[in-house]
């Protein structure tokens, strides 16, 4: 299984606490290039350099890392953490070459990439040093410290804190900071797209740490597996109010009699741990701890074949969850090939796609006869609009159809719409309209939840239109009208 390192620096105050002014962002991570964060020329050494010589240079130059370069090519890097853990703690001879303790083929970012890419890389993979490349040339190094002027970099340290935890109780305490993180991002005016990626990166970290703790308790996995996120986590679209959708794809060497009990215990440990951290058990039991969703690769291939060939209502419900999949930890090859096979089977499959469209059209935007907002008429949420199920989800459903129709591998809804426009599945203007509608609805949902969190209430998805301005209500109606129009277009295209 592929795991992530566990040592991290002490976390800073939670977002919104002292030292982290919400809403006072010094620069915009999406529009600021990585190049603007580089503070000095890269410090490099050849691979044969001794550990002692590297440590001396790091001390002289007052840096926490050094890049290993040979003939202009990046081979790896070492950090002060490597010196502590792999040399001093292990009693290693300091005359050995630095390649013996290096992180080889490290993650990197491009010189002109947005700084946000570096933030996500650090948060998602629990790293604090990222080399910067200009093509194949070494341009420099950026660290988590270089990003500390941004409130959102608290995500890097929150992820780091998560990997330090050794118990469910510790993960519960760390996960309690997610609401404050979302509140801080909302106060700073972060886009819904960025917020979704950052919040989801924290969920990924919690999931991975639970798998590590589970394996520490149960022992190494007897056969390869990949833990797979489904639904909003797979799409990088989570908010502070999320349940869990996940599954496990096991190697075909899996034998129920020999290995079944191990994976049953591991999946239960992780799913229960997620529930304890606020990601409640899926009401439909679409979780890895459910036997049906913890199967060897060949069984998953059978599932997808059956769902695409016999798209009855239950199958369509499953496809809406499990056609949005992303590997979180383990052997990603088990999922990669499976997804490729699925996309080949759905591309141009008009019978299956027409059923998917019919299923998608069951969720209509809440517009009345004269295009006015139609709120719930009764029940617990009377007078409100469900921003998730009648706002965001219909766009997610449309984008999923475009992706399956075109055989596109993208999972994030925004990215699927971009790809659909590039592939000619939808006009560029329609794709822009849907992306803008998605961003507006998702941001409205995030701001609504931030207000609830600030008031000490549990966040939900039910907006009273009286909470927002007349201008915003007009935009809300416009966003719903865009979705309604595109649903009609898709219905005509795939009419039986």
Protein backbone atom coordinates (compact mmCIF):
# COMPACT_ATOMS: atom_id res chain seq x y z
CA UNK A 1 0.00 0.00 0.00
CA UNK A 2 1.19 3.53 -0.76
CA UNK A 3 1.23 5.58 2.43
CA UNK A 4 2.22 9.10 3.28
CA UNK A 5 4.85 10.34 5.74
CA UNK A 6 3.61 11.05 9.24
CA UNK A 7 5.93 13.63 10.79
CA UNK A 8 4.83 17.24 10.64
CA UNK A 9 5.58 20.56 12.30
CA UNK A 10 3.34 21.80 15.09
CA UNK A 11 0.13 23.22 13.63
CA UNK A 12 -0.57 26.94 13.83
CA UNK A 13 -3.78 28.33 15.34
CA UNK A 14 -6.97 27.13 13.69
CA UNK A 15 -8.43 29.40 11.03
CA UNK A 16 -10.11 32.37 12.63
CA UNK A 17 -7.95 32.15 15.78
CA UNK A 18 -5.11 34.44 16.77
CA UNK A 19 -2.44 34.77 14.13
CA UNK A 20 -4.78 33.92 11.26
CA UNK A 21 -6.90 36.89 10.24
CA UNK A 22 -9.85 35.60 8.21
CA UNK A 23 -10.57 37.51 5.07
CA UNK A 24 -7.22 39.31 4.99
CA UNK A 25 -5.53 37.46 2.13
CA UNK A 26 -2.26 39.05 1.03
CA UNK A 27 -2.44 37.50 -2.41
CA UNK A 28 -4.79 35.39 -4.47
CA UNK A 29 -3.46 31.86 -4.72
CA UNK A 30 -5.30 31.16 -7.95
CA UNK A 31 -3.95 34.17 -9.84
CA UNK A 32 -0.51 34.46 -8.24
CA UNK A 33 2.14 32.42 -10.07
CA UNK A 34 4.48 30.19 -8.14
CA UNK A 35 7.38 32.27 -9.52
CA UNK A 36 6.42 35.20 -7.28
CA UNK A 37 6.93 33.07 -4.15
CA UNK A 38 10.52 32.04 -4.95
CA UNK A 39 12.78 33.99 -2.61
CA UNK A 40 16.25 32.80 -3.67
CA UNK A 41 18.15 30.81 -6.24
CA UNK A 42 17.89 27.04 -5.76
CA UNK A 43 20.45 25.37 -3.50
CA UNK A 44 21.57 22.22 -5.30
CA UNK A 45 24.12 19.43 -4.84
CA UNK A 46 25.15 16.44 -6.96
CA UNK A 47 24.01 12.95 -5.87
CA UNK A 48 27.44 11.79 -4.65
CA UNK A 49 27.74 14.58 -2.03
CA UNK A 50 28.14 13.27 1.52
CA UNK A 51 25.37 13.70 4.06
CA UNK A 52 27.75 15.66 6.30
CA UNK A 53 28.68 18.11 3.52
CA UNK A 54 25.00 18.64 2.69
CA UNK A 55 24.15 19.33 6.33
CA UNK A 56 26.98 21.84 6.57
CA UNK A 57 25.76 23.66 3.45
CA UNK A 58 22.17 23.74 4.75
CA UNK A 59 23.45 25.28 7.99
CA UNK A 60 25.57 27.87 6.17
CA UNK A 61 22.80 28.84 3.76
CA UNK A 62 20.12 28.72 6.49
CA UNK A 63 17.81 26.53 4.40
CA UNK A 64 15.66 23.56 5.40
CA UNK A 65 16.10 21.60 2.17
CA UNK A 66 18.45 21.01 -0.74
CA UNK A 67 17.71 19.81 -4.27
CA UNK A 68 19.72 16.94 -5.72
CA UNK A 69 20.63 17.73 -9.32
CA UNK A 70 22.82 16.03 -11.91
CA UNK A 71 23.46 17.54 -15.35
CA UNK A 72 20.57 19.94 -14.85
CA UNK A 73 18.03 17.21 -14.00
CA UNK A 74 16.20 16.95 -10.68
CA UNK A 75 16.76 13.59 -8.99
CA UNK A 76 15.43 14.23 -5.51
CA UNK A 77 15.59 16.37 -2.43
CA UNK A 78 16.59 16.14 1.23
CA UNK A 79 15.15 18.13 4.11
CA UNK A 80 16.12 18.79 7.72
CA UNK A 81 13.48 16.21 8.62
CA UNK A 82 15.40 13.62 6.58
CA UNK A 83 18.56 14.47 8.51
CA UNK A 84 16.75 13.95 11.82
CA UNK A 85 14.81 10.81 10.94
CA UNK A 86 17.00 9.01 8.42
CA UNK A 87 20.45 9.94 9.69
CA UNK A 88 20.61 10.95 13.35
CA UNK A 89 17.78 8.74 14.62
CA UNK A 90 18.97 5.81 12.52
CA UNK A 91 22.68 6.27 13.44
CA UNK A 92 23.62 6.45 9.74
CA UNK A 93 27.21 7.17 8.68
CA UNK A 94 27.30 10.82 7.60
CA UNK A 95 29.90 10.05 4.94
CA UNK A 96 27.31 8.15 2.93
CA UNK A 97 25.93 9.91 -0.17
CA UNK A 98 22.80 12.03 0.16
CA UNK A 99 20.99 9.79 -2.35
CA UNK A 100 20.75 7.23 0.47
CA UNK A 101 18.36 9.44 2.41
CA UNK A 102 16.73 11.44 -0.37
CA UNK A 103 13.14 11.58 -1.47
CA UNK A 104 13.47 10.53 -5.11
CA UNK A 105 11.33 11.89 -7.96
CA UNK A 106 9.62 14.42 -5.67
CA UNK A 107 6.36 16.14 -6.47
CA UNK A 108 6.94 19.46 -8.24
CA UNK A 109 5.09 22.47 -9.65
CA UNK A 110 5.73 24.60 -12.71
CA UNK A 111 7.15 28.09 -12.53
CA UNK A 112 3.97 29.63 -13.97
CA UNK A 113 1.49 27.39 -12.14
CA UNK A 114 -0.89 29.13 -9.73
CA UNK A 115 0.31 29.07 -6.14
CA UNK A 116 -2.94 27.30 -5.31
CA UNK A 117 -1.53 24.17 -7.02
CA UNK A 118 1.37 24.16 -4.56
CA UNK A 119 -1.02 24.60 -1.63
CA UNK A 120 -3.11 21.62 -2.69
CA UNK A 121 -0.03 19.49 -3.32
CA UNK A 122 1.26 20.17 0.18
CA UNK A 123 -2.10 19.59 1.87
CA UNK A 124 -2.94 16.46 -0.08
CA UNK A 125 0.43 14.70 0.23
CA UNK A 126 1.55 15.99 3.63
CA UNK A 127 4.70 17.65 2.33
CA UNK A 128 6.24 21.04 3.10
CA UNK A 129 8.86 21.47 0.37
CA UNK A 130 8.03 21.57 -3.35
CA UNK A 131 10.61 22.03 -6.14
CA UNK A 132 9.69 24.52 -8.87
CA UNK A 133 10.54 23.66 -12.49
CA UNK A 134 10.79 25.87 -15.54
CA UNK A 135 10.25 23.17 -18.13
CA UNK A 136 12.99 20.68 -17.21
CA UNK A 137 15.19 23.28 -15.51
CA UNK A 138 15.31 23.85 -11.75
CA UNK A 139 13.88 27.28 -10.90
CA UNK A 140 13.76 27.09 -7.11
CA UNK A 141 12.01 25.70 -4.09
CA UNK A 142 8.95 26.86 -2.19
CA UNK A 143 7.94 25.76 1.29
CA UNK A 144 4.82 25.90 3.41
CA UNK A 145 6.38 28.88 5.15
CA UNK A 146 6.38 30.78 1.84
CA UNK A 147 2.60 30.50 1.82
CA UNK A 148 1.91 31.39 5.45
CA UNK A 149 0.67 34.86 4.54
CA UNK A 150 -2.45 33.13 3.23
CA UNK A 151 -5.10 32.10 5.70
CA UNK A 152 -5.88 29.14 3.46
CA UNK A 153 -2.45 27.64 4.04
CA UNK A 154 -3.82 26.57 7.40
CA UNK A 155 -5.04 23.63 5.32
CA UNK A 156 -1.41 22.52 4.95
CA UNK A 157 -0.88 22.54 8.69
CA UNK A 158 -4.28 21.03 9.44
CA UNK A 159 -3.40 18.15 7.11
CA UNK A 160 -0.05 17.88 8.88
CA UNK A 161 -1.76 17.78 12.26
CA UNK A 162 -4.01 15.00 11.01
CA UNK A 163 -1.03 12.81 10.11
CA UNK A 164 0.34 13.25 13.64
CA UNK A 165 -2.71 11.76 15.29
CA UNK A 166 -2.52 8.27 16.75
CA UNK A 167 -6.16 7.77 17.76
CA UNK A 168 -9.71 8.36 16.58
CA UNK A 169 -10.12 10.92 19.36
CA UNK A 170 -7.16 12.88 18.02
CA UNK A 171 -8.60 12.83 14.51
CA UNK A 172 -11.95 14.03 15.88
CA UNK A 173 -10.25 17.04 17.44
CA UNK A 174 -8.40 17.82 14.21
CA UNK A 175 -11.49 17.40 12.04
CA UNK A 176 -13.42 19.82 14.26
CA UNK A 177 -11.30 22.58 12.70
CA UNK A 178 -12.73 21.97 9.21
CA UNK A 179 -15.76 24.16 9.87
CA UNK A 180 -13.50 27.03 10.93
CA UNK A 181 -11.40 26.49 7.82
CA UNK A 182 -14.46 26.75 5.57
CA UNK A 183 -15.66 29.80 7.50
CA UNK A 184 -12.28 31.47 7.00
CA UNK A 185 -12.24 30.67 3.29
CA UNK A 186 -15.75 32.09 2.92
CA UNK A 187 -14.74 35.28 4.76
CA UNK A 188 -11.79 35.68 2.41
CA UNK A 189 -14.01 35.33 -0.66
CA UNK A 190 -12.38 32.11 -1.86
CA UNK A 191 -14.15 30.59 -4.85
CA UNK A 192 -16.36 27.55 -4.37
CA UNK A 193 -14.04 25.65 -6.72
CA UNK A 194 -11.01 26.38 -4.52
CA UNK A 195 -12.89 25.80 -1.27
CA UNK A 196 -14.10 22.41 -2.49
CA UNK A 197 -10.56 21.31 -3.35
CA UNK A 198 -9.13 22.50 -0.02
CA UNK A 199 -11.86 21.00 2.17
CA UNK A 200 -11.70 17.72 0.22
CA UNK A 201 -7.91 17.57 0.64
CA UNK A 202 -8.50 17.49 4.40
CA UNK A 203 -11.01 14.64 4.00
CA UNK A 204 -8.42 12.76 1.95
CA UNK A 205 -5.88 13.25 4.74
CA UNK A 206 -8.28 11.96 7.41
CA UNK A 207 -9.15 8.94 5.26
CA UNK A 208 -5.52 8.11 4.59
CA UNK A 209 -4.57 8.48 8.25
CA UNK A 210 -7.40 6.16 9.27
CA UNK A 211 -6.10 3.56 6.81
CA UNK A 212 -2.63 3.92 8.30
CA UNK A 213 -3.95 3.49 11.84
CA UNK A 214 -6.06 0.54 10.74
CA UNK A 215 -3.08 -1.21 9.18
CA UNK A 216 -0.99 -0.49 12.27
CA UNK A 217 -3.65 -2.24 14.33
CA UNK A 218 -4.46 -5.15 11.98
CA UNK A 219 -1.13 -5.61 10.23
CA UNK A 220 -0.22 -5.13 6.54
CA UNK A 221 -2.90 -5.86 3.97
CA UNK A 222 -2.69 -9.48 2.74
CA UNK A 223 -3.32 -8.44 -0.89
CA UNK A 224 -3.17 -5.12 -2.75
CA UNK A 225 -6.14 -2.80 -2.62
CA UNK A 226 -7.11 0.77 -3.39
CA UNK A 227 -9.41 2.85 -1.21
CA UNK A 228 -11.68 4.83 -3.50
CA UNK A 229 -13.70 7.96 -2.77
CA UNK A 230 -17.00 8.35 -4.57
CA UNK A 231 -19.50 11.19 -4.82
CA UNK A 232 -18.50 14.71 -3.79
CA UNK A 233 -15.18 13.64 -2.28
CA UNK A 234 -14.18 12.07 -5.59
CA UNK A 235 -15.16 15.27 -7.39
CA UNK A 236 -13.23 17.53 -4.95
CA UNK A 237 -16.49 19.31 -4.19
CA UNK A 238 -17.00 18.76 -0.47
CA UNK A 239 -18.15 21.29 2.09
CA UNK A 240 -18.20 21.15 5.87
CA UNK A 241 -21.55 19.35 5.57
CA UNK A 242 -20.81 15.97 3.94
CA UNK A 243 -21.61 12.33 4.39
CA UNK A 244 -19.30 9.59 3.12
CA UNK A 245 -19.38 7.58 -0.11
CA UNK A 246 -16.50 5.16 -0.66
CA UNK A 247 -15.56 1.67 -1.73
CA UNK A 248 -12.59 -0.70 -2.00
CA UNK A 249 -11.23 -2.34 -5.12
CA UNK A 250 -9.21 -5.43 -4.16
CA UNK A 251 -6.62 -7.26 -6.20
CA UNK A 252 -7.98 -10.30 -8.03
CA UNK A 253 -5.75 -12.42 -5.80
CA UNK A 254 -8.31 -11.75 -3.05
CA UNK A 255 -9.73 -14.90 -1.45
CA UNK A 256 -12.76 -14.41 0.78
CA UNK A 257 -11.89 -17.31 3.04
CA UNK A 258 -8.31 -16.12 3.56
CA UNK A 259 -8.60 -12.35 3.36
CA UNK A 260 -12.25 -11.45 3.89
CA UNK A 261 -12.10 -10.88 7.64
CA UNK A 262 -9.09 -8.54 7.37
CA UNK A 263 -10.71 -6.20 4.87
CA UNK A 264 -14.02 -6.37 6.70
CA UNK A 265 -12.31 -5.10 9.85
CA UNK A 266 -10.20 -2.50 8.05
CA UNK A 267 -13.12 -1.02 6.13
CA UNK A 268 -15.29 -0.93 9.25
CA UNK A 269 -12.50 0.83 11.16
CA UNK A 270 -12.14 3.51 8.48
CA UNK A 271 -15.86 4.09 7.86
CA UNK A 272 -16.64 4.26 11.58
CA UNK A 273 -13.66 6.59 12.02
CA UNK A 274 -14.95 8.89 9.29
CA UNK A 275 -18.36 8.89 10.93
CA UNK A 276 -16.76 9.85 14.26
CA UNK A 277 -15.00 12.73 12.48
CA UNK A 278 -18.29 14.12 11.15
CA UNK A 279 -18.58 12.32 7.79
CA UNK A 280 -21.75 10.45 8.65
CA UNK A 281 -22.43 6.95 7.38
CA UNK A 282 -24.04 6.98 3.95
CA UNK A 283 -27.82 6.47 4.39
CA UNK A 284 -27.78 4.17 1.35
CA UNK A 285 -24.83 2.20 2.79
CA UNK A 286 -22.65 2.99 -0.22
CA UNK A 287 -19.50 2.49 1.80
CA UNK A 288 -16.53 0.15 1.77
CA UNK A 289 -17.72 -1.51 4.98
CA UNK A 290 -20.74 -2.82 3.03
CA UNK A 291 -19.77 -6.20 1.55
CA UNK A 292 -21.12 -5.36 -1.92
CA UNK A 293 -18.81 -2.34 -2.22
CA UNK A 294 -15.63 -4.13 -1.12
CA UNK A 295 -14.87 -6.47 -3.97
CA UNK A 296 -12.02 -7.66 -6.23
CA UNK A 297 -11.40 -5.81 -9.45
CA UNK A 298 -13.08 -8.39 -11.71
CA UNK A 299 -16.29 -8.13 -9.67
CA UNK A 300 -16.30 -4.34 -10.04
CA UNK A 301 -15.87 -4.80 -13.78
CA UNK A 302 -18.95 -7.05 -13.73
CA UNK A 303 -20.90 -4.41 -11.78
CA UNK A 304 -20.16 -1.71 -14.34
CA UNK A 305 -20.93 -3.97 -17.29
CA UNK A 306 -24.30 -4.86 -15.81
CA UNK A 307 -25.14 -1.26 -14.92
CA UNK A 308 -24.38 0.02 -18.41
CA UNK A 309 -26.18 -2.85 -20.19
CA UNK A 310 -29.22 -3.02 -17.90
CA UNK A 311 -29.75 0.55 -16.66
CA UNK A 312 -32.72 -0.07 -14.37
CA UNK A 313 -33.48 2.43 -11.53
CA UNK A 314 -31.26 0.78 -8.91
CA UNK A 315 -28.37 0.58 -11.36
CA UNK A 316 -28.77 4.25 -12.27
CA UNK A 317 -28.59 5.20 -8.61
CA UNK A 318 -25.34 3.26 -8.30
CA UNK A 319 -23.85 4.84 -11.41
CA UNK A 320 -24.52 8.34 -10.06
CA UNK A 321 -22.32 7.50 -7.08
CA UNK A 322 -19.73 5.09 -8.44
CA UNK A 323 -19.09 6.72 -11.82
CA UNK A 324 -17.52 9.53 -9.81
CA UNK A 325 -14.47 7.76 -8.37
CA UNK A 326 -10.99 8.82 -7.27
CA UNK A 327 -8.21 6.80 -5.65
CA UNK A 328 -7.27 8.00 -2.16
CA UNK A 329 -4.71 5.44 -0.98
CA UNK A 330 -3.32 2.10 -2.05
CA UNK A 331 -2.55 0.70 -5.50
CA UNK A 332 -4.09 3.21 -7.91
CA UNK A 333 -3.53 0.87 -10.87
CA UNK A 334 -6.49 -1.18 -9.64
CA UNK A 335 -8.79 1.76 -10.31
CA UNK A 336 -7.08 3.30 -13.35
CA UNK A 337 -7.67 0.37 -15.67
CA UNK A 338 -11.20 -0.12 -14.38
CA UNK A 339 -12.17 3.48 -15.11
CA UNK A 340 -10.71 3.29 -18.60
CA UNK A 341 -12.79 0.20 -19.37
CA UNK A 342 -15.94 1.86 -18.04
CA UNK A 343 -15.47 5.02 -20.13
CA UNK A 344 -14.97 2.94 -23.27
CA UNK A 345 -18.27 1.19 -22.60
CA UNK A 346 -20.26 4.39 -22.01
CA UNK A 347 -18.94 6.51 -24.86
CA UNK A 348 -21.65 6.73 -27.51
CA UNK A 349 -23.86 4.23 -25.65
CA UNK A 350 -27.10 6.08 -26.42
CA UNK A 351 -29.46 3.65 -24.67
CA UNK A 352 -27.54 3.85 -21.40
CA UNK A 353 -27.06 7.62 -21.73
CA UNK A 354 -30.77 8.21 -22.36
CA UNK A 355 -31.52 6.40 -19.11
CA UNK A 356 -28.92 8.52 -17.33
CA UNK A 357 -30.53 11.67 -18.70
CA UNK A 358 -33.99 10.50 -17.60
CA UNK A 359 -32.62 9.89 -14.13
CA UNK A 360 -30.93 13.30 -14.08
CA UNK A 361 -34.16 15.06 -15.02
CA UNK A 362 -35.87 13.84 -11.86
CA UNK A 363 -34.06 16.71 -10.08
CA UNK A 364 -35.45 19.96 -11.42
CA UNK A 365 -34.45 23.51 -10.42
CA UNK A 366 -37.03 25.12 -8.08
CA UNK A 367 -38.61 27.54 -10.54
CA UNK A 368 -42.35 28.21 -10.69
CA UNK A 369 -44.58 28.67 -13.72
CA UNK A 370 -43.46 32.27 -14.27
CA UNK A 371 -39.79 31.60 -13.45
CA UNK A 372 -40.16 32.69 -9.85
CA UNK A 373 -38.40 30.87 -7.01
CA UNK A 374 -40.39 27.92 -5.71
CA UNK A 375 -39.66 27.15 -2.06
CA UNK A 376 -40.65 24.04 -0.11
CA UNK A 377 -44.36 24.26 0.78
CA UNK A 378 -44.35 22.04 3.84
CA UNK A 379 -42.20 20.02 6.17
CA UNK A 380 -39.19 20.81 8.29
CA UNK A 381 -37.65 23.03 5.60
CA UNK A 382 -40.77 24.92 4.56
CA UNK A 383 -40.00 28.20 2.82
CA UNK A 384 -36.46 27.22 1.83
CA UNK A 385 -34.57 26.09 -1.26
CA UNK A 386 -32.35 23.00 -1.17
CA UNK A 387 -29.18 24.42 -2.72
CA UNK A 388 -27.59 20.99 -2.95
CA UNK A 389 -30.21 18.68 -4.42
CA UNK A 390 -32.14 21.19 -6.54
CA UNK A 391 -29.20 23.48 -7.33
CA UNK A 392 -25.74 21.92 -7.43
CA UNK A 393 -26.68 18.27 -8.05
CA UNK A 394 -28.59 18.89 -11.33
CA UNK A 395 -25.43 20.49 -12.78
CA UNK A 396 -23.32 17.61 -11.45
CA UNK A 397 -25.71 15.20 -13.20
CA UNK A 398 -25.48 17.08 -16.50
CA UNK A 399 -21.69 17.16 -16.40
CA UNK A 400 -21.55 13.44 -15.60
CA UNK A 401 -23.62 12.65 -18.70
CA UNK A 402 -21.31 14.78 -20.85
CA UNK A 403 -18.27 12.96 -19.41
CA UNK A 404 -19.71 9.48 -19.95
CA UNK A 405 -20.95 10.36 -23.42
CA UNK A 406 -17.54 11.64 -24.48
CA UNK A 407 -15.49 9.06 -22.55
CA UNK A 408 -13.74 11.83 -20.59
CA UNK A 409 -11.76 10.82 -17.50
CA UNK A 410 -12.28 14.07 -15.55
CA UNK A 411 -14.27 13.74 -12.32
CA UNK A 412 -14.60 17.30 -11.03
CA UNK A 413 -17.76 18.94 -12.39
CA UNK A 414 -16.05 22.18 -13.46
CA UNK A 415 -13.36 20.19 -15.28
CA UNK A 416 -15.95 17.93 -16.91
CA UNK A 417 -17.73 20.95 -18.37
CA UNK A 418 -14.48 22.36 -19.73
CA UNK A 419 -13.67 19.01 -21.31
CA UNK A 420 -17.18 18.68 -22.75
CA UNK A 421 -16.81 22.05 -24.46
CA UNK A 422 -13.38 21.12 -25.84
CA UNK A 423 -14.79 17.85 -27.15
CA UNK A 424 -17.79 19.49 -28.81
CA UNK A 425 -20.34 17.77 -26.54
CA UNK A 426 -21.66 21.19 -25.54
CA UNK A 427 -21.10 24.70 -26.87
CA UNK A 428 -18.43 26.82 -25.24
CA UNK A 429 -21.06 29.39 -24.23
CA UNK A 430 -23.31 26.78 -22.62
CA UNK A 431 -20.35 25.32 -20.73
CA UNK A 432 -19.44 28.79 -19.43
CA UNK A 433 -23.04 29.42 -18.37
CA UNK A 434 -23.18 26.12 -16.48
CA UNK A 435 -19.80 26.72 -14.83
CA UNK A 436 -20.88 30.18 -13.72
CA UNK A 437 -24.19 28.81 -12.43
CA UNK A 438 -22.35 26.06 -10.53
CA UNK A 439 -19.89 28.51 -8.98
CA UNK A 440 -22.68 30.87 -7.92
CA UNK A 441 -24.87 28.13 -6.40
CA UNK A 442 -21.96 26.42 -4.66
CA UNK A 443 -20.63 29.71 -3.27
CA UNK A 444 -24.11 30.65 -2.05
CA UNK A 445 -24.27 27.30 -0.28
CA UNK A 446 -20.83 27.80 1.32
CA UNK A 447 -21.68 31.33 2.49
CA UNK A 448 -25.00 30.06 3.90
CA UNK A 449 -23.16 27.36 5.85
CA UNK A 450 -20.55 29.86 7.05
CA UNK A 451 -23.31 32.04 8.53
CA UNK A 452 -24.77 29.01 10.30
CA UNK A 453 -21.36 28.00 11.67
CA UNK A 454 -20.76 31.55 12.93
CA UNK A 455 -24.13 31.39 14.70
CA UNK A 456 -23.18 28.11 16.37
CA UNK A 457 -25.60 26.01 14.31
CA UNK A 458 -24.99 22.85 12.32
CA UNK A 459 -24.55 23.69 8.61
CA UNK A 460 -27.15 22.51 6.12
CA UNK A 461 -28.15 23.13 2.50
CA UNK A 462 -31.52 24.84 2.99
CA UNK A 463 -31.53 28.53 2.11
CA UNK A 464 -34.34 30.91 2.95
CA UNK A 465 -34.38 33.36 0.00
CA UNK A 466 -34.98 36.15 2.52
CA UNK A 467 -31.38 35.65 3.71
CA UNK A 468 -30.02 37.10 0.49
CA UNK A 469 -30.38 40.38 -1.38
CA UNK A 470 -32.79 41.08 -4.24
CA UNK A 471 -29.79 41.13 -6.58
CA UNK A 472 -28.69 37.68 -5.41
CA UNK A 473 -32.23 36.33 -5.76
CA UNK A 474 -32.24 37.52 -9.38
CA UNK A 475 -28.92 35.76 -9.96
CA UNK A 476 -30.30 32.65 -8.29
CA UNK A 477 -33.25 32.58 -10.68
CA UNK A 478 -30.91 33.12 -13.63
CA UNK A 479 -28.70 30.23 -12.49
CA UNK A 480 -31.71 27.92 -12.19
CA UNK A 481 -32.93 29.02 -15.63
CA UNK A 482 -29.57 28.06 -17.18
CA UNK A 483 -29.83 24.59 -15.64
CA UNK A 484 -33.43 24.18 -16.75
CA UNK A 485 -32.54 25.14 -20.33
CA UNK A 486 -29.62 22.71 -20.52
CA UNK A 487 -31.75 19.91 -19.08
CA UNK A 488 -34.26 20.50 -21.87
CA UNK A 489 -31.53 20.41 -24.51
CA UNK A 490 -30.17 17.13 -23.17
CA UNK A 491 -33.66 15.65 -22.97
CA UNK A 492 -34.22 16.37 -26.66
CA UNK A 493 -30.84 14.92 -27.61
CA UNK A 494 -31.39 11.61 -25.83
CA UNK A 495 -35.15 11.26 -26.20
CA UNK A 496 -36.17 7.60 -26.65
